[in-house]
Amino acid sequence: MKRAAYIILAAIIAVCLLPVLSTLAAYATASTLGCQLDEGSIHPCPAFGTDIGPALYTAAMLGWLALATLPAAALSGLLISLLALSDLIRYLWRRTRHR
């Protein structure tokens, strides 16, 4: 049961970090291709024979979703830490009782 809790909380953290990763990837791609990317408007960004400017803009704006998801990631991180601490205390308690 504990293992499932760790997996679920880690999955929540991973999903909550996706908007941040999307924004970082968009800015890295735009920088690599020499394109302008900002919150003001969509700028053309030719790559592979097509304009990926709108897609980059959308990916960059997903960063605002992080305002809603990062608190959930922080809470999940806190819960994982508390679970790990309780497991450690339980392990040490059992270890000292059997001596």
PDB file of N, CA and C in Angstrom:
ATOM      1  N   MET A   1       0.829  -1.202   0.000  1.00  0.00           N
ATOM      2  CA  MET A   1       0.000   0.000   0.000  1.00  0.00           C
ATOM      3  C   MET A   1       0.870   1.261   0.000  1.00  0.00           C
ATOM      4  N   LYS A   2       1.955   1.224   0.770  1.00  0.00           N
ATOM      5  CA  LYS A   2       2.842   2.389   0.819  1.00  0.00           C
ATOM      6  C   LYS A   2       3.475   2.641  -0.541  1.00  0.00           C
ATOM      7  N   ARG A   3       3.838   1.557  -1.221  1.00  0.00           N
ATOM      8  CA  ARG A   3       4.480   1.707  -2.529  1.00  0.00           C
ATOM      9  C   ARG A   3       3.537   2.401  -3.507  1.00  0.00           C
ATOM     10  N   ALA A   4       2.267   2.051  -3.456  1.00  0.00           N
ATOM     11  CA  ALA A   4       1.284   2.684  -4.335  1.00  0.00           C
ATOM     12  C   ALA A   4       1.162   4.168  -4.020  1.00  0.00           C
ATOM     13  N   ALA A   5       1.220   4.523  -2.756  1.00  0.00           N
ATOM     14  CA  ALA A   5       1.137   5.935  -2.373  1.00  0.00           C
ATOM     15  C   ALA A   5       2.320   6.713  -2.924  1.00  0.00           C
ATOM     16  N   TYR A   6       3.511   6.124  -2.837  1.00  0.00           N
ATOM     17  CA  TYR A   6       4.697   6.782  -3.393  1.00  0.00           C
ATOM     18  C   TYR A   6       4.551   6.972  -4.903  1.00  0.00           C
ATOM     19  N   ILE A   7       4.077   5.956  -5.588  1.00  0.00           N
ATOM     20  CA  ILE A   7       3.932   6.026  -7.047  1.00  0.00           C
ATOM     21  C   ILE A   7       2.898   7.071  -7.439  1.00  0.00           C
ATOM     22  N   ILE A   8       1.772   7.084  -6.747  1.00  0.00           N
ATOM     23  CA  ILE A   8       0.713   8.053  -7.064  1.00  0.00           C
ATOM     24  C   ILE A   8       1.193   9.478  -6.811  1.00  0.00           C
ATOM     25  N   LEU A   9       1.841   9.714  -5.690  1.00  0.00           N
ATOM     26  CA  LEU A   9       2.325  11.062  -5.385  1.00  0.00           C
ATOM     27  C   LEU A   9       3.415  11.500  -6.357  1.00  0.00           C
ATOM     28  N   ALA A  10       4.280  10.584  -6.752  1.00  0.00           N
ATOM     29  CA  ALA A  10       5.310  10.921  -7.740  1.00  0.00           C
ATOM     30  C   ALA A  10       4.680  11.242  -9.092  1.00  0.00           C
ATOM     31  N   ALA A  11       3.628  10.521  -9.456  1.00  0.00           N
ATOM     32  CA  ALA A  11       2.927  10.805 -10.715  1.00  0.00           C
ATOM     33  C   ALA A  11       2.258  12.176 -10.664  1.00  0.00           C
ATOM     34  N   ILE A  12       1.691  12.524  -9.527  1.00  0.00           N
ATOM     35  CA  ILE A  12       1.072  13.848  -9.376  1.00  0.00           C
ATOM     36  C   ILE A  12       2.122  14.937  -9.552  1.00  0.00           C
ATOM     37  N   ILE A  13       3.282  14.747  -8.947  1.00  0.00           N
ATOM     38  CA  ILE A  13       4.356  15.736  -9.091  1.00  0.00           C
ATOM     39  C   ILE A  13       4.772  15.860 -10.548  1.00  0.00           C
ATOM     40  N   ALA A  14       4.919  14.731 -11.227  1.00  0.00           N
ATOM     41  CA  ALA A  14       5.332  14.757 -12.635  1.00  0.00           C
ATOM     42  C   ALA A  14       4.317  15.498 -13.497  1.00  0.00           C
ATOM     43  N   VAL A  15       3.037  15.238 -13.294  1.00  0.00           N
ATOM     44  CA  VAL A  15       1.995  15.909 -14.080  1.00  0.00           C
ATOM     45  C   VAL A  15       1.959  17.400 -13.760  1.00  0.00           C
ATOM     46  N   CYS A  16       2.148  17.752 -12.501  1.00  0.00           N
ATOM     47  CA  CYS A  16       2.118  19.163 -12.110  1.00  0.00           C
ATOM     48  C   CYS A  16       3.294  19.949 -12.677  1.00  0.00           C
ATOM     49  N   LEU A  17       4.391  19.287 -12.969  1.00  0.00           N
ATOM     50  CA  LEU A  17       5.559  19.978 -13.522  1.00  0.00           C
ATOM     51  C   LEU A  17       5.515  20.099 -15.046  1.00  0.00           C
ATOM     52  N   LEU A  18       4.569  19.445 -15.697  1.00  0.00           N
ATOM     53  CA  LEU A  18       4.493  19.499 -17.158  1.00  0.00           C
ATOM     54  C   LEU A  18       4.334  20.915 -17.721  1.00  0.00           C
ATOM     55  N   PRO A  19       3.507  21.799 -17.125  1.00  0.00           N
ATOM     56  CA  PRO A  19       3.431  23.156 -17.677  1.00  0.00           C
ATOM     57  C   PRO A  19       4.766  23.897 -17.642  1.00  0.00           C
ATOM     58  N   VAL A  20       5.534  23.694 -16.601  1.00  0.00           N
ATOM     59  CA  VAL A  20       6.848  24.338 -16.505  1.00  0.00           C
ATOM     60  C   VAL A  20       7.779  23.783 -17.576  1.00  0.00           C
ATOM     61  N   LEU A  21       7.776  22.470 -17.738  1.00  0.00           N
ATOM     62  CA  LEU A  21       8.626  21.840 -18.754  1.00  0.00           C
ATOM     63  C   LEU A  21       8.221  22.271 -20.158  1.00  0.00           C
ATOM     64  N   SER A  22       6.922  22.437 -20.382  1.00  0.00           N
ATOM     65  CA  SER A  22       6.435  22.896 -21.682  1.00  0.00           C
ATOM     66  C   SER A  22       6.951  24.297 -21.993  1.00  0.00           C
ATOM     67  N   THR A  23       6.905  25.164 -21.015  1.00  0.00           N
ATOM     68  CA  THR A  23       7.395  26.527 -21.207  1.00  0.00           C
ATOM     69  C   THR A  23       8.896  26.541 -21.468  1.00  0.00           C
ATOM     70  N   LEU A  24       9.639  25.776 -20.689  1.00  0.00           N
ATOM     71  CA  LEU A  24      11.088  25.713 -20.894  1.00  0.00           C
ATOM     72  C   LEU A  24      11.432  25.155 -22.270  1.00  0.00           C
ATOM     73  N   ALA A  25      10.706  24.133 -22.698  1.00  0.00           N
ATOM     74  CA  ALA A  25      10.960  23.542 -24.017  1.00  0.00           C
ATOM     75  C   ALA A  25      10.629  24.530 -25.132  1.00  0.00           C
ATOM     76  N   ALA A  26       9.548  25.292 -24.971  1.00  0.00           N
ATOM     77  CA  ALA A  26       9.169  26.271 -25.992  1.00  0.00           C
ATOM     78  C   ALA A  26      10.233  27.356 -26.124  1.00  0.00           C
ATOM     79  N   TYR A  27      10.695  27.873 -24.996  1.00  0.00           N
ATOM     80  CA  TYR A  27      11.720  28.918 -25.056  1.00  0.00           C
ATOM     81  C   TYR A  27      13.048  28.379 -25.576  1.00  0.00           C
ATOM     82  N   ALA A  28      13.392  27.150 -25.225  1.00  0.00           N
ATOM     83  CA  ALA A  28      14.628  26.550 -25.733  1.00  0.00           C
ATOM     84  C   ALA A  28      14.546  26.333 -27.241  1.00  0.00           C
ATOM     85  N   THR A  29      13.393  25.878 -27.719  1.00  0.00           N
ATOM     86  CA  THR A  29      13.211  25.662 -29.155  1.00  0.00           C
ATOM     87  C   THR A  29      13.278  26.979 -29.909  1.00  0.00           C
ATOM     88  N   ALA A  30      12.587  27.990 -29.395  1.00  0.00           N
ATOM     89  CA  ALA A  30      12.596  29.297 -30.054  1.00  0.00           C
ATOM     90  C   ALA A  30      14.008  29.878 -30.080  1.00  0.00           C
ATOM     91  N   SER A  31      14.723  29.731 -29.001  1.00  0.00           N
ATOM     92  CA  SER A  31      16.086  30.245 -28.942  1.00  0.00           C
ATOM     93  C   SER A  31      16.994  29.515 -29.926  1.00  0.00           C
ATOM     94  N   THR A  32      16.855  28.211 -30.001  1.00  0.00           N
ATOM     95  CA  THR A  32      17.671  27.416 -30.916  1.00  0.00           C
ATOM     96  C   THR A  32      17.405  27.784 -32.370  1.00  0.00           C
ATOM     97  N   LEU A  33      16.138  28.046 -32.688  1.00  0.00           N
ATOM     98  CA  LEU A  33      15.770  28.384 -34.063  1.00  0.00           C
ATOM     99  C   LEU A  33      15.933  29.872 -34.366  1.00  0.00           C
ATOM    100  N   GLY A  34      16.290  30.663 -33.366  1.00  0.00           N
ATOM    101  CA  GLY A  34      16.469  32.096 -33.563  1.00  0.00           C
ATOM    102  C   GLY A  34      15.162  32.850 -33.721  1.00  0.00           C
ATOM    103  N   CYS A  35      14.121  32.364 -33.072  1.00  0.00           N
ATOM    104  CA  CYS A  35      12.799  32.990 -33.179  1.00  0.00           C
ATOM    105  C   CYS A  35      12.500  33.821 -31.936  1.00  0.00           C
ATOM    106  N   GLN A  36      11.642  34.811 -32.115  1.00  0.00           N
ATOM    107  CA  GLN A  36      11.204  35.632 -30.990  1.00  0.00           C
ATOM    108  C   GLN A  36      10.000  34.962 -30.346  1.00  0.00           C
ATOM    109  N   LEU A  37      10.000  34.889 -29.022  1.00  0.00           N
ATOM    110  CA  LEU A  37       8.890  34.287 -28.288  1.00  0.00           C
ATOM    111  C   LEU A  37       8.637  35.132 -27.054  1.00  0.00           C
ATOM    112  N   ASP A  38       7.430  35.683 -26.964  1.00  0.00           N
ATOM    113  CA  ASP A  38       7.048  36.460 -25.788  1.00  0.00           C
ATOM    114  C   ASP A  38       5.549  36.346 -25.576  1.00  0.00           C
ATOM    115  N   GLU A  39       5.079  36.929 -24.460  1.00  0.00           N
ATOM    116  CA  GLU A  39       3.665  36.845 -24.111  1.00  0.00           C
ATOM    117  C   GLU A  39       2.796  37.814 -24.896  1.00  0.00           C
ATOM    118  N   GLY A  40       3.419  38.774 -25.561  1.00  0.00           N
ATOM    119  CA  GLY A  40       2.661  39.824 -26.227  1.00  0.00           C
ATOM    120  C   GLY A  40       1.875  39.368 -27.440  1.00  0.00           C
ATOM    121  N   SER A  41       2.495  38.594 -28.293  1.00  0.00           N
ATOM    122  CA  SER A  41       1.809  38.150 -29.505  1.00  0.00           C
ATOM    123  C   SER A  41       2.527  36.945 -30.088  1.00  0.00           C
ATOM    124  N   ILE A  42       1.892  36.370 -31.092  1.00  0.00           N
ATOM    125  CA  ILE A  42       2.472  35.225 -31.788  1.00  0.00           C
ATOM    126  C   ILE A  42       3.388  35.747 -32.883  1.00  0.00           C
ATOM    127  N   HIS A  43       4.605  35.251 -32.910  1.00  0.00           N
ATOM    128  CA  HIS A  43       5.575  35.647 -33.921  1.00  0.00           C
ATOM    129  C   HIS A  43       5.850  34.458 -34.836  1.00  0.00           C
ATOM    130  N   PRO A  44       6.105  34.717 -36.116  1.00  0.00           N
ATOM    131  CA  PRO A  44       6.405  33.602 -37.023  1.00  0.00           C
ATOM    132  C   PRO A  44       7.726  32.934 -36.651  1.00  0.00           C
ATOM    133  N   CYS A  45       7.741  31.628 -36.785  1.00  0.00           N
ATOM    134  CA  CYS A  45       8.949  30.859 -36.497  1.00  0.00           C
ATOM    135  C   CYS A  45       9.009  29.692 -37.483  1.00  0.00           C
ATOM    136  N   PRO A  46       9.682  29.906 -38.607  1.00  0.00           N
ATOM    137  CA  PRO A  46       9.738  28.828 -39.603  1.00  0.00           C
ATOM    138  C   PRO A  46      10.688  27.710 -39.165  1.00  0.00           C
ATOM    139  N   ALA A  47      10.186  26.498 -39.262  1.00  0.00           N
ATOM    140  CA  ALA A  47      11.003  25.322 -38.946  1.00  0.00           C
ATOM    141  C   ALA A  47      10.438  24.132 -39.701  1.00  0.00           C
ATOM    142  N   PHE A  48      11.317  23.403 -40.346  1.00  0.00           N
ATOM    143  CA  PHE A  48      10.931  22.197 -41.068  1.00  0.00           C
ATOM    144  C   PHE A  48       9.871  22.477 -42.133  1.00  0.00           C
ATOM    145  N   GLY A  49       9.932  23.652 -42.733  1.00  0.00           N
ATOM    146  CA  GLY A  49       9.012  24.009 -43.806  1.00  0.00           C
ATOM    147  C   GLY A  49       7.641  24.467 -43.357  1.00  0.00           C
ATOM    148  N   THR A  50       7.460  24.716 -42.081  1.00  0.00           N
ATOM    149  CA  THR A  50       6.163  25.178 -41.584  1.00  0.00           C
ATOM    150  C   THR A  50       6.380  26.203 -40.471  1.00  0.00           C
ATOM    151  N   ASP A  51       5.331  26.946 -40.165  1.00  0.00           N
ATOM    152  CA  ASP A  51       5.404  27.960 -39.113  1.00  0.00           C
ATOM    153  C   ASP A  51       4.981  27.326 -37.790  1.00  0.00           C
ATOM    154  N   ILE A  52       5.913  27.227 -36.853  1.00  0.00           N
ATOM    155  CA  ILE A  52       5.588  26.650 -35.549  1.00  0.00           C
ATOM    156  C   ILE A  52       5.401  27.730 -34.484  1.00  0.00           C
ATOM    157  N   GLY A  53       5.302  28.985 -34.906  1.00  0.00           N
ATOM    158  CA  GLY A  53       5.113  30.093 -33.973  1.00  0.00           C
ATOM    159  C   GLY A  53       3.892  29.940 -33.084  1.00  0.00           C
ATOM    160  N   PRO A  54       2.710  29.621 -33.651  1.00  0.00           N
ATOM    161  CA  PRO A  54       1.531  29.453 -32.787  1.00  0.00           C
ATOM    162  C   PRO A  54       1.684  28.313 -31.770  1.00  0.00           C
ATOM    163  N   ALA A  55       2.305  27.225 -32.185  1.00  0.00           N
ATOM    164  CA  ALA A  55       2.503  26.102 -31.256  1.00  0.00           C
ATOM    165  C   ALA A  55       3.470  26.493 -30.140  1.00  0.00           C
ATOM    166  N   LEU A  56       4.532  27.214 -30.491  1.00  0.00           N
ATOM    167  CA  LEU A  56       5.480  27.670 -29.470  1.00  0.00           C
ATOM    168  C   LEU A  56       4.811  28.632 -28.494  1.00  0.00           C
ATOM    169  N   TYR A  57       3.980  29.527 -29.029  1.00  0.00           N
ATOM    170  CA  TYR A  57       3.276  30.488 -28.180  1.00  0.00           C
ATOM    171  C   TYR A  57       2.360  29.755 -27.198  1.00  0.00           C
ATOM    172  N   THR A  58       1.612  28.773 -27.704  1.00  0.00           N
ATOM    173  CA  THR A  58       0.709  28.007 -26.843  1.00  0.00           C
ATOM    174  C   THR A  58       1.488  27.263 -25.763  1.00  0.00           C
ATOM    175  N   ALA A  59       2.583  26.632 -26.149  1.00  0.00           N
ATOM    176  CA  ALA A  59       3.397  25.900 -25.175  1.00  0.00           C
ATOM    177  C   ALA A  59       3.984  26.844 -24.127  1.00  0.00           C
ATOM    178  N   ALA A  60       4.400  28.026 -24.556  1.00  0.00           N
ATOM    179  CA  ALA A  60       4.967  28.993 -23.616  1.00  0.00           C
ATOM    180  C   ALA A  60       3.906  29.514 -22.651  1.00  0.00           C
ATOM    181  N   MET A  61       2.693  29.715 -23.135  1.00  0.00           N
ATOM    182  CA  MET A  61       1.635  30.241 -22.280  1.00  0.00           C
ATOM    183  C   MET A  61       1.115  29.208 -21.292  1.00  0.00           C
ATOM    184  N   LEU A  62       1.407  27.939 -21.526  1.00  0.00           N
ATOM    185  CA  LEU A  62       1.029  26.915 -20.552  1.00  0.00           C
ATOM    186  C   LEU A  62       1.753  27.113 -19.226  1.00  0.00           C
ATOM    187  N   GLY A  63       2.808  27.901 -19.236  1.00  0.00           N
ATOM    188  CA  GLY A  63       3.515  28.201 -17.997  1.00  0.00           C
ATOM    189  C   GLY A  63       2.622  28.855 -16.961  1.00  0.00           C
ATOM    190  N   TRP A  64       1.625  29.589 -17.416  1.00  0.00           N
ATOM    191  CA  TRP A  64       0.698  30.214 -16.469  1.00  0.00           C
ATOM    192  C   TRP A  64      -0.124  29.166 -15.717  1.00  0.00           C
ATOM    193  N   LEU A  65      -0.303  28.003 -16.320  1.00  0.00           N
ATOM    194  CA  LEU A  65      -1.017  26.920 -15.643  1.00  0.00           C
ATOM    195  C   LEU A  65      -0.242  26.441 -14.414  1.00  0.00           C
ATOM    196  N   ALA A  66       1.049  26.691 -14.407  1.00  0.00           N
ATOM    197  CA  ALA A  66       1.878  26.289 -13.267  1.00  0.00           C
ATOM    198  C   ALA A  66       1.443  26.997 -11.982  1.00  0.00           C
ATOM    199  N   LEU A  67       0.841  28.166 -12.104  1.00  0.00           N
ATOM    200  CA  LEU A  67       0.338  28.853 -10.906  1.00  0.00           C
ATOM    201  C   LEU A  67      -0.698  28.001 -10.178  1.00  0.00           C
ATOM    202  N   ALA A  68      -1.413  27.178 -10.923  1.00  0.00           N
ATOM    203  CA  ALA A  68      -2.412  26.302 -10.314  1.00  0.00           C
ATOM    204  C   ALA A  68      -1.838  24.941  -9.940  1.00  0.00           C
ATOM    205  N   THR A  69      -0.850  24.461 -10.695  1.00  0.00           N
ATOM    206  CA  THR A  69      -0.369  23.097 -10.471  1.00  0.00           C
ATOM    207  C   THR A  69       0.808  22.992  -9.500  1.00  0.00           C
ATOM    208  N   LEU A  70       1.616  24.016  -9.393  1.00  0.00           N
ATOM    209  CA  LEU A  70       2.783  23.926  -8.508  1.00  0.00           C
ATOM    210  C   LEU A  70       2.421  23.776  -7.024  1.00  0.00           C
ATOM    211  N   PRO A  71       1.347  24.399  -6.532  1.00  0.00           N
ATOM    212  CA  PRO A  71       0.976  24.120  -5.138  1.00  0.00           C
ATOM    213  C   PRO A  71       0.628  22.642  -4.906  1.00  0.00           C
ATOM    214  N   ALA A  72      -0.010  22.012  -5.877  1.00  0.00           N
ATOM    215  CA  ALA A  72      -0.309  20.579  -5.743  1.00  0.00           C
ATOM    216  C   ALA A  72       0.974  19.762  -5.747  1.00  0.00           C
ATOM    217  N   ALA A  73       1.944  20.168  -6.557  1.00  0.00           N
ATOM    218  CA  ALA A  73       3.236  19.471  -6.579  1.00  0.00           C
ATOM    219  C   ALA A  73       3.953  19.639  -5.244  1.00  0.00           C
ATOM    220  N   ALA A  74       3.898  20.834  -4.680  1.00  0.00           N
ATOM    221  CA  ALA A  74       4.541  21.078  -3.385  1.00  0.00           C
ATOM    222  C   ALA A  74       3.880  20.247  -2.284  1.00  0.00           C
ATOM    223  N   LEU A  75       2.560  20.182  -2.304  1.00  0.00           N
ATOM    224  CA  LEU A  75       1.844  19.376  -1.314  1.00  0.00           C
ATOM    225  C   LEU A  75       2.186  17.895  -1.467  1.00  0.00           C
ATOM    226  N   SER A  76       2.255  17.428  -2.697  1.00  0.00           N
ATOM    227  CA  SER A  76       2.622  16.027  -2.938  1.00  0.00           C
ATOM    228  C   SER A  76       4.049  15.751  -2.478  1.00  0.00           C
ATOM    229  N   GLY A  77       4.945  16.692  -2.717  1.00  0.00           N
ATOM    230  CA  GLY A  77       6.316  16.538  -2.238  1.00  0.00           C
ATOM    231  C   GLY A  77       6.380  16.475  -0.722  1.00  0.00           C
ATOM    232  N   LEU A  78       5.581  17.304  -0.073  1.00  0.00           N
ATOM    233  CA  LEU A  78       5.526  17.276   1.389  1.00  0.00           C
ATOM    234  C   LEU A  78       4.997  15.936   1.886  1.00  0.00           C
ATOM    235  N   LEU A  79       3.962  15.420   1.222  1.00  0.00           N
ATOM    236  CA  LEU A  79       3.404  14.134   1.631  1.00  0.00           C
ATOM    237  C   LEU A  79       4.395  12.993   1.422  1.00  0.00           C
ATOM    238  N   ILE A  80       5.141  13.031   0.320  1.00  0.00           N
ATOM    239  CA  ILE A  80       6.166  12.006   0.095  1.00  0.00           C
ATOM    240  C   ILE A  80       7.229  12.088   1.191  1.00  0.00           C
ATOM    241  N   SER A  81       7.613  13.301   1.554  1.00  0.00           N
ATOM    242  CA  SER A  81       8.616  13.468   2.614  1.00  0.00           C
ATOM    243  C   SER A  81       8.108  12.923   3.944  1.00  0.00           C
ATOM    244  N   LEU A  82       6.851  13.196   4.255  1.00  0.00           N
ATOM    245  CA  LEU A  82       6.281  12.688   5.503  1.00  0.00           C
ATOM    246  C   LEU A  82       6.168  11.166   5.488  1.00  0.00           C
ATOM    247  N   LEU A  83       5.783  10.596   4.353  1.00  0.00           N
ATOM    248  CA  LEU A  83       5.728   9.137   4.237  1.00  0.00           C
ATOM    249  C   LEU A  83       7.107   8.521   4.422  1.00  0.00           C
ATOM    250  N   ALA A  84       8.100   9.123   3.783  1.00  0.00           N
ATOM    251  CA  ALA A  84       9.467   8.605   3.901  1.00  0.00           C
ATOM    252  C   ALA A  84       9.965   8.726   5.339  1.00  0.00           C
ATOM    253  N   LEU A  85       9.651   9.829   5.988  1.00  0.00           N
ATOM    254  CA  LEU A  85      10.060  10.011   7.381  1.00  0.00           C
ATOM    255  C   LEU A  85       9.388   8.987   8.289  1.00  0.00           C
ATOM    256  N   SER A  86       8.096   8.750   8.076  1.00  0.00           N
ATOM    257  CA  SER A  86       7.406   7.754   8.904  1.00  0.00           C
ATOM    258  C   SER A  86       7.953   6.352   8.647  1.00  0.00           C
ATOM    259  N   ASP A  87       8.285   6.038   7.397  1.00  0.00           N
ATOM    260  CA  ASP A  87       8.893   4.735   7.098  1.00  0.00           C
ATOM    261  C   ASP A  87      10.250   4.596   7.768  1.00  0.00           C
ATOM    262  N   LEU A  88      11.041   5.658   7.756  1.00  0.00           N
ATOM    263  CA  LEU A  88      12.357   5.631   8.395  1.00  0.00           C
ATOM    264  C   LEU A  88      12.233   5.451   9.903  1.00  0.00           C
ATOM    265  N   ILE A  89      11.326   6.184  10.517  1.00  0.00           N
ATOM    266  CA  ILE A  89      11.123   6.065  11.966  1.00  0.00           C
ATOM    267  C   ILE A  89      10.654   4.658  12.317  1.00  0.00           C
ATOM    268  N   ARG A  90       9.720   4.126  11.546  1.00  0.00           N
ATOM    269  CA  ARG A  90       9.222   2.774  11.790  1.00  0.00           C
ATOM    270  C   ARG A  90      10.344   1.745  11.635  1.00  0.00           C
ATOM    271  N   TYR A  91      11.177   1.907  10.621  1.00  0.00           N
ATOM    272  CA  TYR A  91      12.302   0.994  10.398  1.00  0.00           C
ATOM    273  C   TYR A  91      13.290   1.051  11.565  1.00  0.00           C
ATOM    274  N   LEU A  92      13.643   2.259  11.974  1.00  0.00           N
ATOM    275  CA  LEU A  92      14.593   2.403  13.083  1.00  0.00           C
ATOM    276  C   LEU A  92      14.008   1.883  14.395  1.00  0.00           C
ATOM    277  N   TRP A  93      12.732   2.088  14.606  1.00  0.00           N
ATOM    278  CA  TRP A  93      12.073   1.612  15.816  1.00  0.00           C
ATOM    279  C   TRP A  93      12.102   0.083  15.872  1.00  0.00           C
ATOM    280  N   ARG A  94      11.770  -0.559  14.762  1.00  0.00           N
ATOM    281  CA  ARG A  94      11.784  -2.024  14.714  1.00  0.00           C
ATOM    282  C   ARG A  94      13.204  -2.566  14.870  1.00  0.00           C
ATOM    283  N   ARG A  95      14.144  -1.887  14.301  1.00  0.00           N
ATOM    284  CA  ARG A  95      15.541  -2.324  14.360  1.00  0.00           C
ATOM    285  C   ARG A  95      16.067  -2.272  15.795  1.00  0.00           C
ATOM    286  N   THR A  96      15.723  -1.233  16.531  1.00  0.00           N
ATOM    287  CA  THR A  96      16.211  -1.113  17.909  1.00  0.00           C
ATOM    288  C   THR A  96      15.457  -2.049  18.858  1.00  0.00           C
ATOM    289  N   ARG A  97      14.237  -2.387  18.580  1.00  0.00           N
ATOM    290  CA  ARG A  97      13.458  -3.279  19.451  1.00  0.00           C
ATOM    291  C   ARG A  97      13.916  -4.724  19.339  1.00  0.00           C
ATOM    292  N   HIS A  98      14.489  -5.109  18.213  1.00  0.00           N
ATOM    293  CA  HIS A  98      14.907  -6.494  18.004  1.00  0.00           C
ATOM    294  C   HIS A  98      16.330  -6.755  18.462  1.00  0.00           C
ATOM    295  N   ARG A  99      16.976  -5.819  19.070  1.00  0.00           N
ATOM    296  CA  ARG A  99      18.354  -6.019  19.549  1.00  0.00           C
ATOM    297  C   ARG A  99      18.363  -6.569  20.929  1.00  0.00           C
TER     298      ARG A  99
END
